[in-house]
Protein backbone atom coordinates (compact mmCIF):
# COMPACT_ATOMS: atom_id res chain seq x y z
CA UNK A 1 19.82 8.34 36.55
CA UNK A 2 17.21 11.12 36.79
CA UNK A 3 16.45 13.20 33.74
CA UNK A 4 14.01 16.13 33.64
CA UNK A 5 12.25 16.43 30.30
CA UNK A 6 9.11 17.10 28.34
CA UNK A 7 7.20 13.84 28.60
CA UNK A 8 4.40 14.93 26.28
CA UNK A 9 5.12 17.64 23.72
CA UNK A 10 1.99 19.69 23.14
CA UNK A 11 -0.61 17.33 21.68
CA UNK A 12 -4.27 17.76 20.83
CA UNK A 13 -6.44 15.48 22.97
CA UNK A 14 -8.74 13.08 21.12
CA UNK A 15 -12.48 12.65 21.67
CA UNK A 16 -11.87 8.99 22.57
CA UNK A 17 -9.74 7.78 25.48
CA UNK A 18 -6.14 7.42 24.30
CA UNK A 19 -2.67 7.19 25.82
CA UNK A 20 -0.71 10.43 25.62
CA UNK A 21 2.33 9.07 27.50
CA UNK A 22 3.53 5.58 28.41
CA UNK A 23 6.55 4.80 30.61
CA UNK A 24 8.93 2.56 28.68
CA UNK A 25 11.57 0.90 30.89
CA UNK A 26 11.56 3.88 33.28
CA UNK A 27 9.59 5.40 36.12
CA UNK A 28 8.28 8.93 35.71
CA UNK A 29 7.51 11.71 38.18
CA UNK A 30 4.92 14.15 36.88
CA UNK A 31 5.99 17.71 37.61
CA UNK A 32 3.76 19.81 35.37
CA UNK A 33 0.63 18.99 33.39
CA UNK A 34 -1.02 21.82 31.45
CA UNK A 35 -4.10 21.90 29.22
CA UNK A 36 -5.36 24.70 27.00
CA UNK A 37 -8.80 25.08 25.40
CA UNK A 38 -8.49 26.74 21.98
CA UNK A 39 -12.20 26.49 21.19
CA UNK A 40 -14.75 29.33 21.22
CA UNK A 41 -16.83 27.60 23.91
CA UNK A 42 -16.13 25.80 27.19
CA UNK A 43 -14.85 22.23 26.73
CA UNK A 44 -13.96 19.49 29.21
CA UNK A 45 -11.03 17.10 29.50
CA UNK A 46 -10.57 13.95 31.63
CA UNK A 47 -7.21 12.47 32.72
CA UNK A 48 -6.44 8.96 33.93
CA UNK A 49 -3.25 7.51 35.45
CA UNK A 50 -3.08 3.78 34.81
CA UNK A 51 -0.76 0.93 35.70
CA UNK A 52 0.71 -1.32 33.02
CA UNK A 53 -2.11 -3.01 31.12
CA UNK A 54 -4.76 -0.88 32.82
CA UNK A 55 -7.44 1.25 31.28
CA UNK A 56 -9.75 4.18 31.89
CA UNK A 57 -12.06 3.52 34.84
CA UNK A 58 -13.45 5.15 37.95
CA UNK A 59 -10.43 3.94 39.93
CA UNK A 60 -7.86 5.38 37.50
CA UNK A 61 -9.57 8.76 37.05
CA UNK A 62 -7.50 11.65 38.40
CA UNK A 63 -9.48 14.55 36.91
CA UNK A 64 -13.01 14.01 35.57
CA UNK A 65 -14.48 16.37 32.99
CA UNK A 66 -12.52 19.44 34.03
CA UNK A 67 -14.27 22.35 32.28
CA UNK A 68 -11.93 24.74 30.50
CA UNK A 69 -13.35 28.09 29.42
CA UNK A 70 -12.52 29.58 26.04
CA UNK A 71 -8.75 30.23 25.88
CA UNK A 72 -8.26 28.93 29.43
CA UNK A 73 -5.02 27.27 30.49
CA UNK A 74 -5.24 24.92 33.50
CA UNK A 75 -2.18 23.53 35.37
CA UNK A 76 -3.74 20.33 36.87
CA UNK A 77 -2.33 20.43 40.42
CA UNK A 78 -4.23 17.14 40.98
CA UNK A 79 -1.68 15.34 38.79
CA UNK A 80 1.57 16.95 39.95
CA UNK A 81 3.67 14.67 42.14
CA UNK A 82 2.18 11.39 40.92
CA UNK A 83 4.59 8.64 39.89
CA UNK A 84 4.17 6.19 37.03
CA UNK A 85 6.20 2.99 36.88
CA UNK A 86 7.28 1.02 33.81
CA UNK A 87 4.26 0.38 31.60
CA UNK A 88 2.14 2.98 33.38
CA UNK A 89 0.42 5.61 31.27
CA UNK A 90 -1.43 8.89 31.15
CA UNK A 91 -4.71 8.56 29.28
CA UNK A 92 -6.78 11.53 28.20
CA UNK A 93 -10.09 12.29 26.51
CA UNK A 94 -11.67 15.61 25.54
CA UNK A 95 -15.26 16.56 24.87
CA UNK A 96 -14.34 17.41 21.26
CA UNK A 97 -11.22 16.32 19.39
CA UNK A 98 -8.47 18.78 18.46
CA UNK A 99 -9.50 21.75 20.62
CA UNK A 100 -7.81 20.93 23.96
CA UNK A 101 -4.02 20.66 23.96
CA UNK A 102 -2.00 18.92 26.66
CA UNK A 103 1.67 19.17 27.67
CA UNK A 104 3.42 17.15 30.40
CA UNK A 105 6.86 17.68 31.93
CA UNK A 106 8.53 15.52 34.50
CA UNK A 107 11.48 13.37 35.43
CA UNK A 108 12.31 9.90 34.16
CA UNK A 109 14.35 7.57 36.33
CA UNK A 110 16.20 4.63 34.80
């Protein structure tokens, strides 16, 4: 069964690499990934797509230090269309905690 849904409700990205979404007993298609910088200066964010048990590395980096200007929203076309399988995850890190928000929508297949 395929179900379109919000995979990550808006969440503030941490200043240390952390999982923002993990596939649990499903596969997920990533349809929309959006970040917003609420700070008064430009800040960067990095996204990783990892397999089960994997971590942040050069090989799992999808977007590295994407600079977001003050009040900029960015739709991450680099991530759209990727598929995560059971145990796979989206990891994220921001230059400064609690100033870059992230939202992910997609489809889960059971």
